[in-house]
C-alpha atoms as a PDB file:
ATOM      1  CA  UNK A   1       6.754-112.951  18.509  1.00  0.00           C
ATOM      2  CA  UNK A   2       7.926-116.595  17.790  1.00  0.00           C
ATOM      3  CA  UNK A   3       7.213-118.222  14.686  1.00  0.00           C
ATOM      4  CA  UNK A   4       8.790-121.826  14.327  1.00  0.00           C
ATOM      5  CA  UNK A   5       8.593-122.224  10.695  1.00  0.00           C
ATOM      6  CA  UNK A   6       8.451-119.866   7.592  1.00  0.00           C
ATOM      7  CA  UNK A   7       6.134-116.421   7.263  1.00  0.00           C
ATOM      8  CA  UNK A   8       5.494-114.672   4.569  1.00  0.00           C
ATOM      9  CA  UNK A   9       3.589-111.600   5.719  1.00  0.00           C
ATOM     10  CA  UNK A  10       4.722-107.974   6.524  1.00  0.00           C
ATOM     11  CA  UNK A  11       5.659-106.672   9.981  1.00  0.00           C
ATOM     12  CA  UNK A  12       4.877-103.091   9.705  1.00  0.00           C
ATOM     13  CA  UNK A  13       4.259-100.139  12.380  1.00  0.00           C
ATOM     14  CA  UNK A  14       4.535-102.809  15.518  1.00  0.00           C
ATOM     15  CA  UNK A  15       6.584-101.697  18.705  1.00  0.00           C
ATOM     16  CA  UNK A  16       8.453-104.640  20.184  1.00  0.00           C
ATOM     17  CA  UNK A  17       9.805-103.155  23.457  1.00  0.00           C
ATOM     18  CA  UNK A  18      11.838-104.882  26.542  1.00  0.00           C
ATOM     19  CA  UNK A  19      11.453-108.278  25.626  1.00  0.00           C
ATOM     20  CA  UNK A  20      13.944-111.582  26.539  1.00  0.00           C
ATOM     21  CA  UNK A  21      14.546-114.654  25.363  1.00  0.00           C
ATOM     22  CA  UNK A  22      17.078-117.222  26.822  1.00  0.00           C
ATOM     23  CA  UNK A  23      18.202-118.221  23.021  1.00  0.00           C
ATOM     24  CA  UNK A  24      17.166-116.528  20.095  1.00  0.00           C
ATOM     25  CA  UNK A  25      14.956-113.490  18.816  1.00  0.00           C
ATOM     26  CA  UNK A  26      14.226-111.617  22.067  1.00  0.00           C
ATOM     27  CA  UNK A  27      11.693-109.275  19.927  1.00  0.00           C
ATOM     28  CA  UNK A  28      10.891-111.366  16.921  1.00  0.00           C
ATOM     29  CA  UNK A  29      11.977-115.101  15.599  1.00  0.00           C
ATOM     30  CA  UNK A  30      11.362-116.326  12.381  1.00  0.00           C
ATOM     31  CA  UNK A  31      12.720-119.889  12.198  1.00  0.00           C
ATOM     32  CA  UNK A  32      12.359-120.610   8.390  1.00  0.00           C
ATOM     33  CA  UNK A  33      12.598-117.997   5.366  1.00  0.00           C
ATOM     34  CA  UNK A  34      11.216-114.597   6.407  1.00  0.00           C
ATOM     35  CA  UNK A  35      10.031-113.682   2.853  1.00  0.00           C
ATOM     36  CA  UNK A  36       8.023-110.583   3.708  1.00  0.00           C
ATOM     37  CA  UNK A  37       9.639-107.401   5.146  1.00  0.00           C
ATOM     38  CA  UNK A  38       9.799-105.091   8.212  1.00  0.00           C
ATOM     39  CA  UNK A  39       8.478-101.835   7.005  1.00  0.00           C
ATOM     40  CA  UNK A  40       6.616 -98.590   8.265  1.00  0.00           C
ATOM     41  CA  UNK A  41       8.723 -98.008  10.886  1.00  0.00           C
ATOM     42  CA  UNK A  42       8.529-101.167  12.899  1.00  0.00           C
ATOM     43  CA  UNK A  43      10.111-100.697  16.351  1.00  0.00           C
ATOM     44  CA  UNK A  44      12.720-103.029  18.404  1.00  0.00           C
ATOM     45  CA  UNK A  45      13.803-101.340  21.277  1.00  0.00           C
ATOM     46  CA  UNK A  46      15.700-102.834  24.509  1.00  0.00           C
ATOM     47  CA  UNK A  47      15.200-106.317  23.702  1.00  0.00           C
ATOM     48  CA  UNK A  48      17.637-108.936  24.870  1.00  0.00           C
ATOM     49  CA  UNK A  49      18.750-112.554  24.551  1.00  0.00           C
ATOM     50  CA  UNK A  50      20.830-114.187  26.715  1.00  0.00           C
ATOM     51  CA  UNK A  51      22.670-116.489  24.308  1.00  0.00           C
ATOM     52  CA  UNK A  52      23.719-116.142  20.930  1.00  0.00           C
ATOM     53  CA  UNK A  53      21.817-114.330  17.878  1.00  0.00           C
ATOM     54  CA  UNK A  54      19.533-112.286  16.760  1.00  0.00           C
ATOM     55  CA  UNK A  55      17.828-109.994  19.741  1.00  0.00           C
ATOM     56  CA  UNK A  56      15.715-107.598  17.831  1.00  0.00           C
ATOM     57  CA  UNK A  57      15.072-110.288  15.089  1.00  0.00           C
ATOM     58  CA  UNK A  58      16.281-113.352  13.834  1.00  0.00           C
ATOM     59  CA  UNK A  59      15.436-114.245   9.922  1.00  0.00           C
ATOM     60  CA  UNK A  60      16.070-115.555   6.816  1.00  0.00           C
ATOM     61  CA  UNK A  61      15.456-113.854   3.509  1.00  0.00           C
ATOM     62  CA  UNK A  62      12.994-110.865   3.488  1.00  0.00           C
ATOM     63  CA  UNK A  63      13.815-107.067   3.917  1.00  0.00           C
ATOM     64  CA  UNK A  64      14.345-104.393   6.264  1.00  0.00           C
ATOM     65  CA  UNK A  65      12.859-101.137   5.214  1.00  0.00           C
ATOM     66  CA  UNK A  66      11.898 -97.917   7.621  1.00  0.00           C
ATOM     67  CA  UNK A  67      12.598 -99.577  10.708  1.00  0.00           C
ATOM     68  CA  UNK A  68      14.520 -98.560  14.310  1.00  0.00           C
ATOM     69  CA  UNK A  69      16.672-100.738  16.120  1.00  0.00           C
ATOM     70  CA  UNK A  70      17.862 -99.448  19.605  1.00  0.00           C
ATOM     71  CA  UNK A  71      19.536-100.495  22.758  1.00  0.00           C
ATOM     72  CA  UNK A  72      19.005-104.154  21.991  1.00  0.00           C
ATOM     73  CA  UNK A  73      21.900-107.004  23.153  1.00  0.00           C
ATOM     74  CA  UNK A  74      23.230-110.199  22.327  1.00  0.00           C
ATOM     75  CA  UNK A  75      25.081-110.778  25.251  1.00  0.00           C
ATOM     76  CA  UNK A  76      26.767-114.057  24.228  1.00  0.00           C
ATOM     77  CA  UNK A  77      26.404-114.179  20.401  1.00  0.00           C
ATOM     78  CA  UNK A  78      26.235-111.830  16.940  1.00  0.00           C
ATOM     79  CA  UNK A  79      23.642-109.795  15.575  1.00  0.00           C
ATOM     80  CA  UNK A  80      22.934-107.274  18.437  1.00  0.00           C
ATOM     81  CA  UNK A  81      19.967-105.997  16.428  1.00  0.00           C
ATOM     82  CA  UNK A  82      19.220-108.032  13.687  1.00  0.00           C
ATOM     83  CA  UNK A  83      20.897-111.634  13.018  1.00  0.00           C
ATOM     84  CA  UNK A  84      19.713-112.734   9.448  1.00  0.00           C
ATOM     85  CA  UNK A  85      21.381-116.060   7.275  1.00  0.00           C
ATOM     86  CA  UNK A  86      20.271-113.293   4.481  1.00  0.00           C
ATOM     87  CA  UNK A  87      18.529-110.095   3.931  1.00  0.00           C
ATOM     88  CA  UNK A  88      17.633-110.272   0.036  1.00  0.00           C
ATOM     89  CA  UNK A  89      15.231-107.273  -0.546  1.00  0.00           C
ATOM     90  CA  UNK A  90      18.062-105.005   1.122  1.00  0.00           C
ATOM     91  CA  UNK A  91      18.142-102.568   4.090  1.00  0.00           C
ATOM     92  CA  UNK A  92      16.963 -99.222   3.654  1.00  0.00           C
ATOM     93  CA  UNK A  93      15.945 -96.126   5.895  1.00  0.00           C
ATOM     94  CA  UNK A  94      16.789 -97.832   8.917  1.00  0.00           C
ATOM     95  CA  UNK A  95      18.191 -96.931  12.161  1.00  0.00           C
ATOM     96  CA  UNK A  96      20.599 -98.801  14.278  1.00  0.00           C
ATOM     97  CA  UNK A  97      21.697 -97.059  17.590  1.00  0.00           C
ATOM     98  CA  UNK A  98      23.125 -98.399  20.674  1.00  0.00           C
ATOM     99  CA  UNK A  99      23.015-101.993  19.951  1.00  0.00           C
ATOM    100  CA  UNK A 100      25.315-104.658  21.622  1.00  0.00           C
ATOM    101  CA  UNK A 101      26.654-107.839  20.695  1.00  0.00           C
ATOM    102  CA  UNK A 102      29.027-109.999  22.960  1.00  0.00           C
ATOM    103  CA  UNK A 103      30.658-111.522  19.656  1.00  0.00           C
ATOM    104  CA  UNK A 104      30.251-110.297  16.024  1.00  0.00           C
ATOM    105  CA  UNK A 105      27.729-107.595  14.519  1.00  0.00           C
ATOM    106  CA  UNK A 106      26.816-105.019  16.719  1.00  0.00           C
ATOM    107  CA  UNK A 107      24.049-104.065  14.639  1.00  0.00           C
ATOM    108  CA  UNK A 108      23.650-106.715  12.195  1.00  0.00           C
ATOM    109  CA  UNK A 109      25.259-110.315  11.730  1.00  0.00           C
ATOM    110  CA  UNK A 110      24.577-111.787   8.356  1.00  0.00           C
ATOM    111  CA  UNK A 111      25.428-115.463   7.431  1.00  0.00           C
ATOM    112  CA  UNK A 112      25.748-117.708   4.820  1.00  0.00           C
ATOM    113  CA  UNK A 113      24.047-115.859   2.292  1.00  0.00           C
ATOM    114  CA  UNK A 114      24.210-112.206   3.131  1.00  0.00           C
ATOM    115  CA  UNK A 115      22.732-109.194   1.861  1.00  0.00           C
ATOM    116  CA  UNK A 116      21.097-108.405  -1.360  1.00  0.00           C
ATOM    117  CA  UNK A 117      19.356-105.219  -2.738  1.00  0.00           C
ATOM    118  CA  UNK A 118      22.423-102.930  -0.896  1.00  0.00           C
ATOM    119  CA  UNK A 119      22.302-100.834   2.147  1.00  0.00           C
ATOM    120  CA  UNK A 120      20.620 -97.176   1.561  1.00  0.00           C
ATOM    121  CA  UNK A 121      19.717 -94.092   3.785  1.00  0.00           C
ATOM    122  CA  UNK A 122      20.668 -96.105   6.786  1.00  0.00           C
ATOM    123  CA  UNK A 123      22.388 -94.708   9.998  1.00  0.00           C
ATOM    124  CA  UNK A 124      24.599 -96.823  12.584  1.00  0.00           C
ATOM    125  CA  UNK A 125      24.972 -94.717  16.007  1.00  0.00           C
ATOM    126  CA  UNK A 126      26.874 -96.025  18.911  1.00  0.00           C
ATOM    127  CA  UNK A 127      26.620-100.018  18.289  1.00  0.00           C
ATOM    128  CA  UNK A 128      29.278-102.081  19.669  1.00  0.00           C
ATOM    129  CA  UNK A 129      30.546-105.476  19.345  1.00  0.00           C
ATOM    130  CA  UNK A 130      32.858-107.551  21.782  1.00  0.00           C
ATOM    131  CA  UNK A 131      34.623-109.034  18.912  1.00  0.00           C
ATOM    132  CA  UNK A 132      34.562-108.143  14.976  1.00  0.00           C
ATOM    133  CA  UNK A 133      31.952-104.953  13.533  1.00  0.00           C
ATOM    134  CA  UNK A 134      30.597-102.854  15.771  1.00  0.00           C
ATOM    135  CA  UNK A 135      27.877-102.240  12.812  1.00  0.00           C
ATOM    136  CA  UNK A 136      27.650-105.230   9.985  1.00  0.00           C
ATOM    137  CA  UNK A 137      29.327-108.596  10.200  1.00  0.00           C
ATOM    138  CA  UNK A 138      29.543-110.161   6.936  1.00  0.00           C
ATOM    139  CA  UNK A 139      31.665-113.387   7.412  1.00  0.00           C
ATOM    140  CA  UNK A 140      32.296-114.761   3.894  1.00  0.00           C
ATOM    141  CA  UNK A 141      32.153-113.598   0.406  1.00  0.00           C
ATOM    142  CA  UNK A 142      28.307-113.782  -0.983  1.00  0.00           C
ATOM    143  CA  UNK A 143      27.207-113.441  -4.261  1.00  0.00           C
ATOM    144  CA  UNK A 144      24.988-110.093  -4.306  1.00  0.00           C
ATOM    145  CA  UNK A 145      26.121-109.866  -0.469  1.00  0.00           C
ATOM    146  CA  UNK A 146      28.243-107.261   1.057  1.00  0.00           C
ATOM    147  CA  UNK A 147      31.296-108.450  -0.286  1.00  0.00           C
ATOM    148  CA  UNK A 148      30.026-109.481  -3.385  1.00  0.00           C
ATOM    149  CA  UNK A 149      29.861-107.842  -6.323  1.00  0.00           C
ATOM    150  CA  UNK A 150      27.941-104.512  -7.200  1.00  0.00           C
ATOM    151  CA  UNK A 151      26.951-104.311  -3.717  1.00  0.00           C
ATOM    152  CA  UNK A 152      26.388-100.465  -2.560  1.00  0.00           C
ATOM    153  CA  UNK A 153      26.505 -98.347   0.407  1.00  0.00           C
ATOM    154  CA  UNK A 154      24.401 -95.226  -0.205  1.00  0.00           C
ATOM    155  CA  UNK A 155      23.516 -92.035   1.744  1.00  0.00           C
ATOM    156  CA  UNK A 156      24.878 -93.608   4.687  1.00  0.00           C
ATOM    157  CA  UNK A 157      25.447 -91.923   8.044  1.00  0.00           C
ATOM    158  CA  UNK A 158      28.101 -93.977  10.826  1.00  0.00           C
ATOM    159  CA  UNK A 159      28.901 -92.747  14.159  1.00  0.00           C
ATOM    160  CA  UNK A 160      30.829 -93.602  17.293  1.00  0.00           C
ATOM    161  CA  UNK A 161      30.518 -97.569  16.487  1.00  0.00           C
ATOM    162  CA  UNK A 162      33.094 -99.553  18.140  1.00  0.00           C
ATOM    163  CA  UNK A 163      34.470-103.199  17.854  1.00  0.00           C
ATOM    164  CA  UNK A 164      36.833-104.831  20.273  1.00  0.00           C
ATOM    165  CA  UNK A 165      38.086-106.861  17.182  1.00  0.00           C
ATOM    166  CA  UNK A 166      38.710-105.709  13.744  1.00  0.00           C
ATOM    167  CA  UNK A 167      36.281-103.543  11.530  1.00  0.00           C
ATOM    168  CA  UNK A 168      34.587-100.403  13.889  1.00  0.00           C
ATOM    169  CA  UNK A 169      31.696-100.416  11.282  1.00  0.00           C
ATOM    170  CA  UNK A 170      32.368-103.463   9.090  1.00  0.00           C
ATOM    171  CA  UNK A 171      33.852-106.863   9.010  1.00  0.00           C
ATOM    172  CA  UNK A 172      33.818-108.033   5.273  1.00  0.00           C
ATOM    173  CA  UNK A 173      34.947-111.776   5.177  1.00  0.00           C
ATOM    174  CA  UNK A 174      37.043-113.612   2.524  1.00  0.00           C
ATOM    175  CA  UNK A 175      35.855-113.032  -0.918  1.00  0.00           C
ATOM    176  CA  UNK A 176      36.941-111.409  -4.030  1.00  0.00           C
ATOM    177  CA  UNK A 177      33.828-108.838  -4.601  1.00  0.00           C
ATOM    178  CA  UNK A 178      33.538-105.403  -4.417  1.00  0.00           C
ATOM    179  CA  UNK A 179      31.985-102.414  -2.223  1.00  0.00           C
ATOM    180  CA  UNK A 180      31.008 -99.294  -3.796  1.00  0.00           C
ATOM    181  CA  UNK A 181      30.333 -96.324  -1.480  1.00  0.00           C
ATOM    182  CA  UNK A 182      28.127 -93.746  -2.818  1.00  0.00           C
ATOM    183  CA  UNK A 183      25.627 -90.634  -2.262  1.00  0.00           C
ATOM    184  CA  UNK A 184      22.871 -88.711  -4.061  1.00  0.00           C
ATOM    185  CA  UNK A 185      23.902 -85.269  -5.119  1.00  0.00           C
ATOM    186  CA  UNK A 186      22.095 -83.475  -2.203  1.00  0.00           C
ATOM    187  CA  UNK A 187      23.633 -86.347   0.218  1.00  0.00           C
ATOM    188  CA  UNK A 188      26.481 -87.802   1.766  1.00  0.00           C
ATOM    189  CA  UNK A 189      27.972 -91.199   3.065  1.00  0.00           C
ATOM    190  CA  UNK A 190      29.954 -90.223   6.272  1.00  0.00           C
ATOM    191  CA  UNK A 191      32.069 -92.175   8.649  1.00  0.00           C
ATOM    192  CA  UNK A 192      33.085 -90.181  11.916  1.00  0.00           C
ATOM    193  CA  UNK A 193      34.558 -91.514  15.235  1.00  0.00           C
ATOM    194  CA  UNK A 194      34.469 -95.488  14.552  1.00  0.00           C
ATOM    195  CA  UNK A 195      37.199 -97.365  16.311  1.00  0.00           C
ATOM    196  CA  UNK A 196      38.198-101.003  16.578  1.00  0.00           C
ATOM    197  CA  UNK A 197      40.383-102.736  18.652  1.00  0.00           C
ATOM    198  CA  UNK A 198      43.533-102.892  16.168  1.00  0.00           C
ATOM    199  CA  UNK A 199      43.947 -98.804  17.324  1.00  0.00           C
ATOM    200  CA  UNK A 200      44.523 -98.122  13.214  1.00  0.00           C
ATOM    201  CA  UNK A 201      44.594 -94.459  12.854  1.00  0.00           C
ATOM    202  CA  UNK A 202      43.236 -95.276   9.525  1.00  0.00           C
ATOM    203  CA  UNK A 203      40.669 -97.588   8.128  1.00  0.00           C
ATOM    204  CA  UNK A 204      39.460 -98.632  11.169  1.00  0.00           C
ATOM    205  CA  UNK A 205      36.006 -98.468  10.031  1.00  0.00           C
ATOM    206  CA  UNK A 206      36.430-101.320   7.510  1.00  0.00           C
ATOM    207  CA  UNK A 207      38.031-104.678   7.933  1.00  0.00           C
ATOM    208  CA  UNK A 208      38.163-106.425   4.310  1.00  0.00           C
ATOM    209  CA  UNK A 209      39.929-109.706   4.441  1.00  0.00           C
ATOM    210  CA  UNK A 210      39.969-109.967   0.566  1.00  0.00           C
ATOM    211  CA  UNK A 211      38.114-108.385  -2.636  1.00  0.00           C
ATOM    212  CA  UNK A 212      37.875-104.695  -3.596  1.00  0.00           C
ATOM    213  CA  UNK A 213      37.087-101.291  -1.925  1.00  0.00           C
END
């Protein structure tokens, strides 16, 4: 699905599988602001883009809720499943599994305006990046973003993600914000068997250039 400009609707209960793009957005490309949301289990499976960003989806703004991304690949770029200039309504109840980026962000690549609304009830399994961040890459400090103030990762499960560079799950760029890990009383936020190319015994799920964790 290709939208050259802005798109304000919701994409819900749709199935995008085995699509290919020469450049961006093998499954869904929105060139302008995407002010709706992905919701109610839209599936993005085995989509690929030959060059650069956003294999499952390429978008700005919006939110991602109740969606599954599996086995998508960005062979020469970032964001194996999702490439976004920003996700302003959060990522909640989303599964990222076996997505691959040739460069940064095996699961998600966030650009200049980052993530607002937190990362909640989401799971990253066996995503890979050829450079930094097997799971989610945020390249700079963004107000309200993954490295900005009051950002929460809640009830998450992160298993067997890998980056050749830094940050098996997360790469958090320059900035002075903070990231909080939390969970409900009957839940956990867990990191298991994630690794990166630095071969560090500890802390190889996160790479944080500056700020607080």
